[in-house]
Amino acid sequence: MKIKFLPYQPHCFAFGGFEVQMLSTLQALRESGIDATTLDVWERDSSFDVLHCWGLGVANYENVFWGKKAGKKVVLTALLPYYETILEKAKHYLSLGVYKARLFKEMLQVIDKVVVVNELQADVCIRHFGVPASKLEVIPNVVQHLYFKTAGHTGSLFTQHYQVSDFILTSGNVCSRKNQLNLALAAVKAGVNLVIIGKIMEGEEKYGETLEKVVQENANITWIKGLAPGSEVLVDAYAACSAFALPSYIEQQPISLLEAAIMRKPLLISDKAFARQKYYKNALLVNPGSIDAIAKGLHQVLNGSSKYLVPSQLLQEVKPQHVAQAYAAVYNSL
């Protein structure tokens, strides 16, 4: 069986956690002996069996239907909103009649299997898009092997190179959604060290400029503008930190939190729906819109760190071999 991966958009235009996830899953499948490769859109050879689209949205709408017309089985890995408020739900149901959600629902009806990252997302698929449970599979994000081999990472290389210790870590593209600015202001208020790892996301330059000003004015904040995903120095940063914080406004299943949990770091997360999935059990939840709440939370995770650790047994499911086996089972069921 031959599998072809198709991204939602060219990676040169936007590259974040979802794209890292796609490539990490592809690597895990190859390591498990699955014949999975990227789809070359200029190639006319259609001798493959499964089209695996990444991302539920209008950019994949025609791809899904062309794949079905060509006789391919179609799998789609989706990241969905949690529809936490009445307004979000109302907009969704309005959109079902006249806009994007209608297109999404049409796609989901013809796709052979829909993969989501947790049970909360599966419930959204069933409740809000009418996808039958028989079409759904829950497979978490994959975390690279390096994070499970903690013996080789003490954090000393990172602390020596960047001259920082006893710090809170956050990583990911810098953007208003991930809320690094409030986290930085909370770190200033709390008087704790903060390390931000991430480059400014396209279109978020003004947000980045505001964050830069806060960083320049406060010596307790260090901003490292991008480290390669899964690199030795990034893993060493996780090993060196005292806790990990991600007070985002919107997320689905952030890989950075999984990575920190595997490295046995206490977690501080926004009090939002995504934080209530089992892989973040015991995390401290705070109001992402309140600098005071985040500042108080930073002290809590530093002073009571053992209370905010994710149970190790829950994280076995995000190992590359487990994720690869789960996707292989999906393909073989088609």
Protein backbone atom coordinates (compact mmCIF):
# COMPACT_ATOMS: atom_id res chain seq x y z
CA MET A 1 0.00 0.00 0.00
CA LYS A 2 1.37 3.41 -1.03
CA ILE A 3 0.48 6.55 0.92
CA LYS A 4 0.89 10.12 -0.32
CA PHE A 5 0.93 13.09 2.08
CA LEU A 6 -0.51 16.41 0.89
CA PRO A 7 -0.06 19.56 3.04
CA TYR A 8 -2.68 22.26 3.46
CA GLN A 9 -0.43 25.01 2.10
CA PRO A 10 3.15 25.28 0.82
CA HIS A 11 5.46 25.17 3.82
CA CYS A 12 7.29 28.28 2.61
CA PHE A 13 4.18 30.35 3.36
CA ALA A 14 3.39 29.05 6.84
CA PHE A 15 5.24 26.55 8.98
CA GLY A 16 4.30 25.74 12.55
CA GLY A 17 3.38 22.91 14.86
CA PHE A 18 0.92 21.28 12.47
CA GLU A 19 3.53 21.15 9.71
CA VAL A 20 6.14 19.77 12.12
CA GLN A 21 3.57 17.17 13.12
CA MET A 22 2.97 16.16 9.51
CA LEU A 23 6.67 15.66 8.82
CA SER A 24 7.28 13.85 12.11
CA THR A 25 4.42 11.47 11.39
CA LEU A 26 5.79 10.84 7.91
CA GLN A 27 9.19 10.03 9.39
CA ALA A 28 7.65 7.70 11.99
CA LEU A 29 5.74 5.83 9.27
CA ARG A 30 8.87 5.39 7.18
CA GLU A 31 10.80 4.11 10.19
CA SER A 32 8.03 1.55 10.66
CA GLY A 33 8.35 0.33 7.08
CA ILE A 34 5.23 2.05 5.70
CA ASP A 35 5.50 3.24 2.08
CA ALA A 36 4.59 6.87 2.77
CA THR A 37 5.95 9.81 0.76
CA THR A 38 5.04 13.40 -0.05
CA LEU A 39 2.84 14.04 -3.09
CA ASP A 40 4.63 15.88 -5.90
CA VAL A 41 1.91 18.06 -7.43
CA TRP A 42 3.85 18.23 -10.72
CA GLU A 43 4.10 14.44 -11.01
CA ARG A 44 1.51 12.69 -13.24
CA ASP A 45 2.05 9.21 -11.79
CA SER A 46 -1.05 8.33 -9.76
CA SER A 47 -0.01 4.81 -8.80
CA PHE A 48 -0.68 5.14 -5.09
CA ASP A 49 -3.51 3.94 -2.89
CA VAL A 50 -4.19 6.51 -0.17
CA LEU A 51 -4.25 10.30 -0.35
CA HIS A 52 -3.59 11.63 3.14
CA CYS A 53 -4.59 15.31 3.34
CA TRP A 54 -3.47 17.40 6.28
CA GLY A 55 -5.88 20.14 7.31
CA LEU A 56 -9.63 20.60 7.08
CA GLY A 57 -10.27 23.73 5.05
CA VAL A 58 -11.08 25.21 1.68
CA ALA A 59 -7.53 24.65 0.39
CA ASN A 60 -8.09 20.89 0.56
CA TYR A 61 -11.69 20.94 -0.68
CA GLU A 62 -10.94 20.18 -4.34
CA ASN A 63 -8.05 17.86 -3.44
CA VAL A 64 -10.39 15.60 -1.50
CA PHE A 65 -12.91 15.36 -4.32
CA TRP A 66 -10.25 14.89 -7.01
CA GLY A 67 -8.76 12.11 -4.91
CA LYS A 68 -12.12 10.36 -4.66
CA LYS A 69 -12.77 10.76 -8.40
CA ALA A 70 -9.40 9.11 -9.04
CA GLY A 71 -10.44 6.11 -6.97
CA LYS A 72 -8.17 6.83 -4.03
CA LYS A 73 -8.97 6.25 -0.40
CA VAL A 74 -8.80 9.60 1.36
CA VAL A 75 -7.66 10.15 4.94
CA LEU A 76 -7.70 13.60 6.49
CA THR A 77 -6.01 14.73 9.69
CA ALA A 78 -7.97 17.67 11.07
CA LEU A 79 -7.49 20.31 13.73
CA LEU A 80 -10.84 21.73 14.76
CA PRO A 81 -12.12 24.56 16.95
CA TYR A 82 -13.63 23.49 20.27
CA TYR A 83 -16.61 25.87 19.98
CA GLU A 84 -16.32 26.92 23.62
CA THR A 85 -18.76 29.86 23.59
CA ILE A 86 -22.36 30.33 22.49
CA LEU A 87 -21.19 32.91 19.93
CA GLU A 88 -18.69 30.46 18.40
CA LYS A 89 -21.39 27.81 18.14
CA ALA A 90 -23.87 30.27 16.59
CA LYS A 91 -21.33 31.36 13.97
CA HIS A 92 -20.61 27.73 13.15
CA TYR A 93 -24.25 26.83 12.55
CA LEU A 94 -24.76 29.95 10.43
CA SER A 95 -21.68 28.99 8.43
CA LEU A 96 -23.09 25.49 7.88
CA GLY A 97 -25.74 27.05 5.67
CA VAL A 98 -23.83 29.64 3.72
CA TYR A 99 -20.08 29.50 4.14
CA LYS A 100 -16.97 27.52 5.05
CA ALA A 101 -18.50 25.06 7.49
CA ARG A 102 -20.82 23.84 4.74
CA LEU A 103 -17.81 23.02 2.56
CA PHE A 104 -16.10 21.30 5.46
CA LYS A 105 -19.16 19.17 6.11
CA GLU A 106 -19.32 18.18 2.45
CA MET A 107 -15.67 17.13 2.58
CA LEU A 108 -16.12 15.11 5.74
CA GLN A 109 -18.99 13.15 4.22
CA VAL A 110 -16.84 11.72 1.41
CA ILE A 111 -13.55 11.26 3.26
CA ASP A 112 -12.92 7.64 4.21
CA LYS A 113 -11.30 8.31 7.59
CA VAL A 114 -10.96 11.46 9.68
CA VAL A 115 -8.14 11.55 12.22
CA VAL A 116 -8.28 13.93 15.19
CA VAL A 117 -5.86 14.33 18.06
CA ASN A 118 -8.13 13.73 21.04
CA GLU A 119 -11.60 12.70 22.18
CA LEU A 120 -12.71 16.34 22.53
CA GLN A 121 -12.04 16.91 18.82
CA ALA A 122 -13.83 13.67 17.96
CA ASP A 123 -16.88 14.95 19.83
CA VAL A 124 -16.75 18.19 17.80
CA CYS A 125 -16.70 16.14 14.59
CA ILE A 126 -19.75 14.16 15.65
CA ARG A 127 -21.75 17.00 17.21
CA HIS A 128 -21.04 19.87 14.85
CA PHE A 129 -20.25 18.20 11.53
CA GLY A 130 -22.33 15.02 11.70
CA VAL A 131 -19.39 12.69 11.08
CA PRO A 132 -20.27 9.12 12.12
CA ALA A 133 -18.09 7.66 14.85
CA SER A 134 -17.17 4.79 12.52
CA LYS A 135 -15.27 7.26 10.31
CA LEU A 136 -13.27 8.75 13.18
CA GLU A 137 -9.93 7.76 14.63
CA VAL A 138 -8.19 9.46 17.56
CA ILE A 139 -4.42 9.55 17.14
CA PRO A 140 -2.38 12.04 19.19
CA ASN A 141 0.46 14.15 17.91
CA VAL A 142 3.83 12.45 17.70
CA VAL A 143 6.85 13.56 19.71
CA GLN A 144 10.30 12.86 18.30
CA HIS A 145 12.61 10.22 19.79
CA LEU A 146 15.04 12.75 21.26
CA TYR A 147 12.59 13.84 23.94
CA PHE A 148 12.31 10.30 25.28
CA LYS A 149 16.09 10.01 25.63
CA THR A 150 16.54 12.46 28.47
CA ALA A 151 19.72 10.87 29.84
CA GLY A 152 21.80 12.75 27.28
CA HIS A 153 20.36 16.15 28.17
CA THR A 154 21.20 17.87 31.43
CA GLY A 155 20.45 21.42 30.31
CA SER A 156 23.98 22.57 31.10
CA LEU A 157 24.91 23.31 27.48
CA PHE A 158 21.88 25.55 27.07
CA THR A 159 22.38 27.43 30.33
CA GLN A 160 26.07 27.98 29.63
CA HIS A 161 25.52 29.16 26.08
CA TYR A 162 22.64 31.55 26.84
CA GLN A 163 23.71 32.47 30.37
CA VAL A 164 20.28 31.84 31.88
CA SER A 165 19.06 29.50 34.62
CA ASP A 166 16.02 28.90 36.84
CA PHE A 167 13.70 29.94 34.04
CA ILE A 168 10.21 29.38 32.69
CA LEU A 169 10.28 28.23 29.05
CA THR A 170 7.81 28.81 26.24
CA SER A 171 8.31 27.83 22.61
CA GLY A 172 6.45 28.19 19.33
CA ASN A 173 5.83 30.79 16.66
CA VAL A 174 5.44 34.24 18.21
CA CYS A 175 1.90 35.46 17.56
CA SER A 176 -1.06 36.96 19.38
CA ARG A 177 -2.79 33.57 19.51
CA LYS A 178 0.02 32.08 21.58
CA ASN A 179 0.00 35.07 23.92
CA GLN A 180 3.74 35.45 24.58
CA LEU A 181 3.27 39.15 25.33
CA ASN A 182 1.02 38.57 28.35
CA LEU A 183 3.35 35.81 29.49
CA ALA A 184 6.32 38.19 29.28
CA LEU A 185 4.48 40.91 31.20
CA ALA A 186 3.48 38.33 33.81
CA ALA A 187 7.11 37.20 34.15
CA VAL A 188 8.12 40.82 34.76
CA LYS A 189 5.38 41.21 37.37
CA ALA A 190 6.31 37.93 39.06
CA GLY A 191 10.05 38.64 38.92
CA VAL A 192 10.90 35.30 37.31
CA ASN A 193 13.16 34.46 34.39
CA LEU A 194 11.49 33.66 31.09
CA VAL A 195 12.97 32.19 27.92
CA ILE A 196 10.94 32.58 24.71
CA ILE A 197 11.95 30.38 21.78
CA GLY A 198 10.29 31.14 18.47
CA LYS A 199 10.33 33.35 15.42
CA ILE A 200 7.66 35.89 14.56
CA MET A 201 4.87 34.36 12.52
CA GLU A 202 4.14 35.95 9.15
CA GLY A 203 1.60 38.75 9.57
CA GLU A 204 2.37 39.19 13.28
CA GLU A 205 5.20 41.69 12.91
CA LYS A 206 3.54 44.42 14.99
CA TYR A 207 2.89 41.95 17.80
CA GLY A 208 6.53 40.92 17.59
CA GLU A 209 7.68 44.54 17.82
CA THR A 210 5.63 45.06 20.99
CA LEU A 211 7.09 41.91 22.53
CA GLU A 212 10.60 42.98 21.50
CA LYS A 213 10.20 46.25 23.41
CA VAL A 214 9.25 44.38 26.59
CA VAL A 215 12.21 42.02 26.18
CA GLN A 216 14.67 44.89 25.66
CA GLU A 217 13.43 46.67 28.78
CA ASN A 218 13.61 43.63 31.08
CA ALA A 219 16.79 41.63 31.68
CA ASN A 220 14.86 38.64 33.06
CA ILE A 221 13.44 37.83 29.61
CA THR A 222 15.48 36.10 26.91
CA TRP A 223 14.11 35.75 23.38
CA ILE A 224 15.77 33.21 21.10
CA LYS A 225 14.31 33.72 17.66
CA GLY A 226 13.96 30.19 16.46
CA LEU A 227 15.63 26.84 17.02
CA ALA A 228 15.17 23.88 14.69
CA PRO A 229 12.36 21.52 15.80
CA GLY A 230 13.82 18.45 17.47
CA SER A 231 17.32 19.92 17.56
CA GLU A 232 19.73 19.01 20.35
CA VAL A 233 19.84 22.58 21.65
CA LEU A 234 16.03 22.84 21.77
CA VAL A 235 15.75 19.58 23.69
CA ASP A 236 18.46 20.83 26.04
CA ALA A 237 16.40 23.99 26.64
CA TYR A 238 13.53 21.82 27.85
CA ALA A 239 15.92 19.93 30.11
CA ALA A 240 17.24 23.19 31.56
CA CYS A 241 13.93 24.91 32.31
CA SER A 242 12.14 24.80 35.66
CA ALA A 243 8.65 24.80 34.13
CA PHE A 244 6.91 25.30 30.80
CA ALA A 245 4.16 27.83 30.07
CA LEU A 246 1.78 28.22 27.15
CA PRO A 247 -1.13 30.55 27.95
CA SER A 248 -2.51 30.49 24.39
CA TYR A 249 -5.97 31.71 23.48
CA ILE A 250 -6.48 29.00 20.84
CA GLU A 251 -4.81 25.59 20.50
CA GLN A 252 -5.71 22.01 19.66
CA GLN A 253 -2.89 19.79 20.95
CA PRO A 254 0.36 21.78 21.18
CA ILE A 255 3.42 19.60 20.62
CA SER A 256 5.51 21.90 22.82
CA LEU A 257 3.41 20.95 25.84
CA LEU A 258 3.78 17.26 25.05
CA GLU A 259 7.54 17.71 24.74
CA ALA A 260 7.74 19.51 28.08
CA ALA A 261 5.55 16.89 29.76
CA ILE A 262 7.79 14.09 28.50
CA MET A 263 10.81 15.95 29.88
CA ARG A 264 9.04 15.91 33.30
CA LYS A 265 8.40 19.63 33.49
CA PRO A 266 5.40 21.19 35.28
CA LEU A 267 2.94 22.84 32.91
CA LEU A 268 1.08 26.15 33.03
CA ILE A 269 -1.69 26.34 30.41
CA SER A 270 -4.62 28.61 29.64
CA ASP A 271 -7.94 27.66 31.15
CA LYS A 272 -9.38 26.67 27.76
CA ALA A 273 -10.90 23.52 26.30
CA PHE A 274 -7.65 22.20 24.81
CA ALA A 275 -6.06 22.08 28.28
CA ARG A 276 -8.59 19.48 29.46
CA GLN A 277 -7.35 16.61 27.30
CA LYS A 278 -5.75 13.70 29.15
CA TYR A 279 -2.23 14.40 27.86
CA TYR A 280 -2.08 17.58 29.96
CA LYS A 281 -3.54 16.10 33.15
CA ASN A 282 -2.46 17.95 36.33
CA ALA A 283 -1.40 21.12 34.45
CA LEU A 284 -2.07 24.41 36.21
CA LEU A 285 -4.78 26.33 34.34
CA VAL A 286 -4.89 30.14 34.28
CA ASN A 287 -6.90 32.89 32.61
CA PRO A 288 -4.81 33.83 29.52
CA GLY A 289 -6.25 37.33 29.46
CA SER A 290 -5.11 38.17 33.00
CA ILE A 291 -1.48 39.12 33.55
CA ASP A 292 -2.05 38.88 37.30
CA ALA A 293 -3.41 35.33 36.99
CA ILE A 294 -0.48 34.24 34.83
CA ALA A 295 2.02 35.84 37.23
CA LYS A 296 0.45 34.06 40.19
CA GLY A 297 0.48 30.82 38.19
CA LEU A 298 4.20 31.18 37.43
CA HIS A 299 4.96 31.24 41.15
CA GLN A 300 2.69 28.24 41.71
CA VAL A 301 4.36 26.01 39.11
CA LEU A 302 7.79 26.96 40.42
CA ASN A 303 6.95 26.40 44.08
CA GLY A 304 4.81 23.27 43.71
CA SER A 305 6.30 21.75 40.60
CA SER A 306 5.55 18.09 41.35
CA LYS A 307 1.81 18.80 41.51
CA TYR A 308 1.74 19.91 37.88
CA LEU A 309 3.47 16.98 36.17
CA VAL A 310 1.63 14.82 33.61
CA PRO A 311 1.57 11.10 34.55
CA SER A 312 4.24 9.39 32.44
CA GLN A 313 2.03 6.48 31.39
CA LEU A 314 -0.28 8.80 29.45
CA LEU A 315 2.59 9.96 27.27
CA GLN A 316 3.53 6.55 25.89
CA GLU A 317 0.85 7.05 23.22
CA VAL A 318 2.76 9.93 21.60
CA LYS A 319 5.89 7.88 20.91
CA PRO A 320 6.71 7.66 17.18
CA GLN A 321 6.24 3.90 16.99
CA HIS A 322 2.81 4.09 18.65
CA VAL A 323 1.59 6.87 16.35
CA ALA A 324 2.95 5.06 13.27
CA GLN A 325 1.17 1.86 14.28
CA ALA A 326 -2.09 3.74 14.78
CA TYR A 327 -1.91 5.37 11.34
CA ALA A 328 -0.91 2.07 9.72
CA ALA A 329 -4.04 0.52 11.26
CA VAL A 330 -6.13 3.31 9.69
CA TYR A 331 -4.67 2.74 6.25
CA ASN A 332 -5.11 -1.03 6.48
CA SER A 333 -8.75 -0.63 7.50
CA LEU A 334 -9.68 1.19 4.28
